[in-house]
Structure formats: C-alpha cells, structure tokens
Protein backbone atom coordinates (compact mmCIF):
# COMPACT_ATOMS: atom_id res chain seq x y z
CA MET A 1 -21.62 -62.71 -42.00
CA SER A 2 -24.37 -60.99 -44.05
CA GLY A 3 -24.14 -57.31 -44.89
CA MET A 4 -27.48 -56.87 -42.92
CA LEU A 5 -26.55 -58.77 -39.89
CA LEU A 6 -23.15 -56.85 -39.63
CA PHE A 7 -25.14 -53.38 -40.15
CA LEU A 8 -27.04 -54.23 -37.20
CA LEU A 9 -24.54 -55.31 -35.03
CA ALA A 10 -22.18 -52.47 -36.05
CA LEU A 11 -25.17 -49.90 -35.67
CA ALA A 12 -26.76 -50.82 -32.50
CA PRO A 13 -23.55 -50.20 -30.18
CA ALA A 14 -22.77 -46.92 -32.24
CA ILE A 15 -26.56 -45.33 -31.80
CA ILE A 16 -26.34 -46.49 -27.99
CA LEU A 17 -22.84 -45.22 -26.83
CA HIS A 18 -23.84 -42.14 -29.03
CA GLU A 19 -26.95 -41.26 -26.88
CA LEU A 20 -24.97 -42.25 -23.76
CA ALA A 21 -22.21 -39.87 -24.37
CA HIS A 22 -24.89 -37.15 -24.75
CA GLY A 23 -26.18 -38.42 -21.30
CA TYR A 24 -23.24 -38.66 -19.28
CA VAL A 25 -21.53 -35.73 -20.47
CA ALA A 26 -25.02 -33.65 -19.30
CA HIS A 27 -24.49 -35.82 -15.86
CA LEU A 28 -20.66 -34.29 -15.56
CA LEU A 29 -22.33 -30.72 -16.35
CA GLY A 30 -24.97 -30.73 -13.45
CA ASP A 31 -28.09 -32.13 -15.21
CA ASP A 32 -29.61 -35.85 -14.17
CA THR A 33 -32.51 -35.82 -16.62
CA ALA A 34 -31.26 -38.58 -18.35
CA ARG A 35 -29.94 -40.71 -15.44
CA ASN A 36 -33.49 -40.03 -13.63
CA ALA A 37 -35.40 -41.33 -16.40
CA GLY A 38 -32.88 -44.25 -16.69
CA ARG A 39 -31.40 -43.79 -19.89
CA LEU A 40 -27.40 -44.14 -18.71
CA THR A 41 -27.85 -47.95 -19.54
CA LEU A 42 -26.71 -49.95 -22.18
CA ASN A 43 -29.84 -51.83 -22.25
CA PRO A 44 -30.88 -51.38 -25.87
CA LEU A 45 -34.76 -51.27 -25.19
CA LYS A 46 -34.21 -48.33 -23.16
CA HIS A 47 -33.31 -46.31 -26.26
CA VAL A 48 -35.67 -47.72 -28.75
CA ASP A 49 -38.04 -45.13 -30.46
CA PRO A 50 -41.20 -46.82 -32.02
CA PHE A 51 -40.66 -44.24 -34.87
CA GLY A 52 -37.31 -43.52 -35.49
CA THR A 53 -35.67 -47.02 -34.66
CA VAL A 54 -38.42 -49.26 -35.92
CA ALA A 55 -41.15 -47.56 -38.05
CA LEU A 56 -39.00 -45.46 -40.31
CA PRO A 57 -36.41 -47.94 -41.13
CA LEU A 58 -39.07 -50.23 -42.12
CA LEU A 59 -41.11 -47.95 -44.03
CA LEU A 60 -37.82 -46.77 -46.19
CA ALA A 61 -37.04 -50.06 -46.76
CA PHE A 62 -40.53 -50.83 -48.12
CA ILE A 63 -40.95 -47.94 -50.16
CA GLN A 64 -37.72 -48.39 -51.95
CA LEU A 65 -38.15 -52.18 -52.36
CA ALA A 66 -41.40 -51.29 -53.91
CA SER A 67 -40.36 -48.64 -56.24
CA ILE A 68 -36.55 -49.65 -57.66
CA GLY A 69 -36.36 -53.09 -56.34
CA ARG A 70 -33.56 -52.70 -53.86
CA VAL A 71 -32.63 -50.83 -50.47
CA GLU A 72 -30.37 -47.81 -51.37
CA PHE A 73 -30.07 -46.44 -47.61
CA LEU A 74 -31.90 -46.90 -44.29
CA TYR A 75 -31.93 -44.16 -41.69
CA GLY A 76 -33.31 -44.05 -37.99
CA TRP A 77 -32.62 -42.83 -34.64
CA ALA A 78 -32.52 -44.04 -31.09
CA LYS A 79 -34.74 -42.17 -28.61
CA PRO A 80 -32.82 -38.67 -27.84
CA VAL A 81 -31.45 -38.75 -24.53
CA PRO A 82 -33.38 -36.00 -22.19
CA VAL A 83 -31.18 -33.20 -21.61
CA ASN A 84 -32.49 -29.81 -19.30
CA PRO A 85 -30.15 -27.19 -20.36
CA PHE A 86 -30.96 -24.83 -17.73
CA ASN A 87 -29.55 -27.61 -15.51
CA LEU A 88 -26.34 -27.26 -17.24
CA ALA A 89 -23.28 -25.33 -15.30
CA ILE A 90 -19.48 -25.29 -15.12
CA ASN A 91 -18.16 -24.15 -11.65
CA GLY A 92 -21.91 -22.77 -10.98
CA ARG A 93 -21.76 -20.71 -13.86
CA ARG A 94 -25.08 -21.89 -16.39
CA ASP A 95 -24.96 -21.08 -19.87
CA PRO A 96 -27.64 -23.22 -21.50
CA ARG A 97 -26.82 -22.24 -24.88
CA ARG A 98 -23.18 -22.85 -25.27
CA LEU A 99 -22.97 -25.97 -22.77
CA MET A 100 -26.07 -27.69 -24.80
CA GLY A 101 -23.02 -27.44 -27.74
CA VAL A 102 -20.92 -29.50 -25.25
CA VAL A 103 -23.51 -32.06 -24.65
CA GLY A 104 -24.03 -32.11 -28.71
CA ILE A 105 -20.77 -32.85 -29.77
CA ALA A 106 -20.27 -35.68 -27.24
CA GLY A 107 -22.08 -37.94 -29.31
CA PRO A 108 -20.21 -37.54 -32.59
CA ALA A 109 -17.04 -37.33 -30.46
CA MET A 110 -18.03 -40.91 -29.13
CA ASN A 111 -18.45 -42.36 -32.40
CA PHE A 112 -15.18 -40.88 -33.75
CA ALA A 113 -13.66 -42.51 -30.47
CA LEU A 114 -15.57 -45.73 -31.07
CA ALA A 115 -13.86 -45.96 -34.51
CA LEU A 116 -10.27 -45.16 -33.39
CA ALA A 117 -10.71 -47.77 -30.37
CA ALA A 118 -11.80 -50.56 -33.35
CA GLY A 119 -9.00 -49.21 -35.37
CA PHE A 120 -6.77 -50.54 -32.61
CA ALA A 121 -8.59 -53.72 -32.31
CA LEU A 122 -7.66 -54.61 -35.58
CA HIS A 123 -4.00 -55.37 -34.23
CA GLY A 124 -5.85 -58.40 -32.78
CA GLY A 125 -6.56 -60.09 -35.75
CA VAL A 126 -10.00 -61.29 -34.92
CA GLY A 127 -13.28 -60.28 -36.34
CA LEU A 128 -11.70 -58.18 -38.90
CA GLU A 129 -14.60 -57.72 -41.29
CA TYR A 130 -16.66 -56.81 -38.01
CA LEU A 131 -14.15 -54.23 -37.17
CA VAL A 132 -13.84 -52.70 -40.71
CA TYR A 133 -17.47 -52.24 -40.71
CA PHE A 134 -17.75 -50.76 -37.47
CA ILE A 135 -15.24 -48.08 -38.11
CA GLU A 136 -17.20 -47.08 -41.13
CA ILE A 137 -20.78 -46.87 -39.40
CA ASN A 138 -19.49 -45.04 -36.80
CA LEU A 139 -17.20 -42.52 -38.82
CA VAL A 140 -20.72 -42.23 -41.26
CA LEU A 141 -22.72 -41.70 -38.01
CA GLY A 142 -20.30 -39.22 -36.32
CA LEU A 143 -20.07 -37.15 -39.77
CA PHE A 144 -23.63 -37.15 -40.24
CA ASN A 145 -24.62 -36.12 -37.22
CA LEU A 146 -22.13 -33.17 -37.52
CA ILE A 147 -24.67 -31.59 -40.09
CA PRO A 148 -25.16 -28.16 -38.92
CA LEU A 149 -28.96 -27.91 -38.42
CA PRO A 150 -31.01 -28.58 -35.62
CA PRO A 151 -32.10 -31.42 -34.25
CA MET A 152 -28.70 -32.84 -35.36
CA ASP A 153 -26.04 -32.65 -33.14
CA GLY A 154 -24.05 -30.22 -35.46
CA GLY A 155 -26.87 -27.78 -35.18
CA ARG A 156 -26.52 -27.72 -31.32
CA VAL A 157 -22.84 -26.68 -31.88
CA ALA A 158 -23.77 -24.12 -34.43
CA VAL A 159 -26.32 -22.86 -32.19
CA ALA A 160 -24.07 -22.63 -29.39
CA LEU A 161 -21.23 -20.77 -31.50
CA LEU A 162 -23.09 -18.41 -33.49
CA PRO A 163 -24.22 -14.84 -32.50
CA LEU A 164 -27.05 -14.70 -30.58
CA PRO A 165 -29.33 -13.37 -33.36
CA LEU A 166 -28.40 -16.07 -36.03
CA ALA A 167 -28.25 -18.62 -33.17
CA ALA A 168 -32.05 -18.11 -32.29
CA ARG A 169 -32.68 -18.03 -36.26
CA LEU A 170 -30.96 -21.75 -36.42
CA GLU A 171 -32.62 -22.91 -32.98
CA ARG A 172 -35.86 -21.95 -34.37
CA SER A 173 -35.74 -24.33 -37.38
CA GLU A 174 -35.63 -27.53 -35.33
CA ARG A 175 -39.31 -28.32 -35.67
CA PHE A 176 -38.59 -28.95 -39.54
CA GLY A 177 -34.95 -29.60 -39.36
CA ILE A 178 -35.02 -33.15 -39.33
CA LEU A 179 -38.07 -33.56 -42.26
CA LEU A 180 -35.60 -31.21 -44.33
CA VAL A 181 -32.54 -33.45 -43.68
CA LEU A 182 -34.70 -36.71 -44.47
CA LEU A 183 -36.22 -35.00 -47.61
CA VAL A 184 -33.20 -33.51 -49.20
CA LEU A 185 -30.64 -35.94 -48.42
CA PHE A 186 -32.32 -39.18 -48.68
CA VAL A 187 -35.92 -38.95 -50.31
CA LEU A 188 -35.17 -36.40 -52.87
CA PRO A 189 -32.18 -38.30 -54.27
CA VAL A 190 -34.34 -41.52 -54.89
CA ALA A 191 -37.25 -39.91 -56.46
CA LEU A 192 -35.07 -38.03 -59.03
CA ALA A 193 -33.12 -40.91 -59.89
CA GLN A 194 -36.23 -42.38 -61.14
CA ILE A 195 -36.35 -39.61 -63.86
CA GLY A 196 -32.48 -39.98 -64.52
CA VAL A 197 -31.31 -37.08 -62.40
CA GLN A 198 -28.37 -37.65 -60.28
CA PHE A 199 -28.91 -35.77 -56.93
CA ASP A 200 -27.13 -37.19 -53.99
CA PRO A 201 -25.00 -34.50 -51.79
CA PHE A 202 -24.76 -36.81 -48.90
CA GLN A 203 -23.44 -39.65 -50.89
CA ALA A 204 -21.05 -37.08 -52.77
CA ALA A 205 -19.65 -35.77 -49.35
CA MET A 206 -19.45 -39.31 -48.06
CA ASP A 207 -17.35 -40.35 -51.18
CA LYS A 208 -14.95 -37.78 -50.38
CA ILE A 209 -14.88 -37.63 -46.55
CA LEU A 210 -15.30 -41.00 -45.66
CA PRO A 211 -12.29 -42.25 -47.01
CA TRP A 212 -10.12 -39.88 -45.81
CA ALA A 213 -11.53 -40.17 -42.47
CA GLU A 214 -10.85 -43.90 -42.61
CA HIS A 215 -7.31 -43.74 -43.67
CA LEU A 216 -6.70 -41.17 -40.90
CA VAL A 217 -8.17 -43.82 -38.44
CA LEU A 218 -5.75 -46.42 -40.14
CA VAL A 219 -2.82 -44.02 -39.68
CA LEU A 220 -3.60 -43.11 -35.95
CA THR A 221 -4.02 -46.37 -35.03
CA GLY A 222 -0.76 -47.76 -36.79
CA ASN A 223 -2.54 -49.86 -39.61
CA ASP A 224 -1.62 -47.81 -42.58
CA ALA A 225 1.29 -50.06 -43.64
CA GLY A 226 3.53 -47.25 -44.62
CA ASN A 227 0.62 -45.87 -47.20
C-alpha cells in the first residue's frame, strides 16, 4: 500500500473523530450547536473545509513540488465543529472559558485514545502496516494540536487555565494564530532550507517526542516485547 494512500486512510478517521470528540463533549456539557448543525456524524463530507481540507494541502504540495521537487510536509484541517461556549455548563453552573478548555482537550484526547486502540489491535496480526501508520498519525495530530496558541486546542486549554488578564491576551491572538503556526512551523523551514539554514522546530520536537510517545503506546498496549 502506497505511503500517500496510507496517509489518507489514517488521516481521515483521525481528523473526523477528533472533531466529533469536540462536538460530543460540548453536547454532554449542554451545547447542542454541533448536533443541530448536523456535525455529530461520521459522514466525512460534513467535515470538509474547502480551504483547510482541500485547497491548502494542494497549494502546499504544488509550492513544494515547484520549488524543491518533492513534498516535505502537508497540513490541513477539517471544518471546526461549532460550539457556543455560553451554553456550556456543569450542574447548571456556566463557566464558558474553562469549559471551552474541556471541549478543546477532547480532540487530542480522542487521538491519543485512537492510538491506544490501534496499539491493542496490533495483537490481531492483521493490517499491521496500517495500524502502525494510524498510531503515528494520531500521535502527531494530537501532539500538534496541543500547541498552546489559539485556535489550536492547546490554546483553548491555555486560555482556560491562565489568569484572566493573560488568558484575554492569548485569546486575542486567535485571529492570526493559525497563520503564525503555518509560517513558523511549516513555511519558514522550507524557505530557509533553500539558503542552507536549518530551522524546523516542529520536526525537531517530533524527533524527540514522537518516538517516546510511540514507545509509550506500545508499552501500554503490551507490544513492547520486554524493551
């Protein structure tokens, strides 16, 4: 099975279930915005974002093929699940800022749970190549979304946990947060590589964190073979 096909088959359920987790946790906390919008579904067409799911990955692939002759990275996102933070409540008590943090962490938590589920599935001995790829995709997606900058899920959590003045400042960064993430973590490393400058903070972080996370999944699911 080709690497690109494996990538797509692993990424689609990882992204869809990530978004479903946000919507379902919001539903449990009293907000039915996602359900009323028809977003609590496994239908992938309901989660496609014209820019983030289609246009951006194609544009990134085209730019890299035209400039360096190969695709170093692809990035995209599904259509964010709509959530009204002012509907969120626990035991009738509303706390929009902190409960949005709970909704935010649900996405990465789903990806980590999927990685663990795939780890247990390895014992079945079927589809091993896909399962290993699925584990890696979910770990990368979950870790990437923990970046503490809105609109990333980690940004939602940071806004929930920080003192109110700092949280308000961080929340105001959301309008340019995704652009900053794309530029610093993806576009800038490729551009600098053309002049011989090595700068890739995301890849450097993943080189250290991802092997540890993958080993942890294997240990927790009984696949470490005593290592």
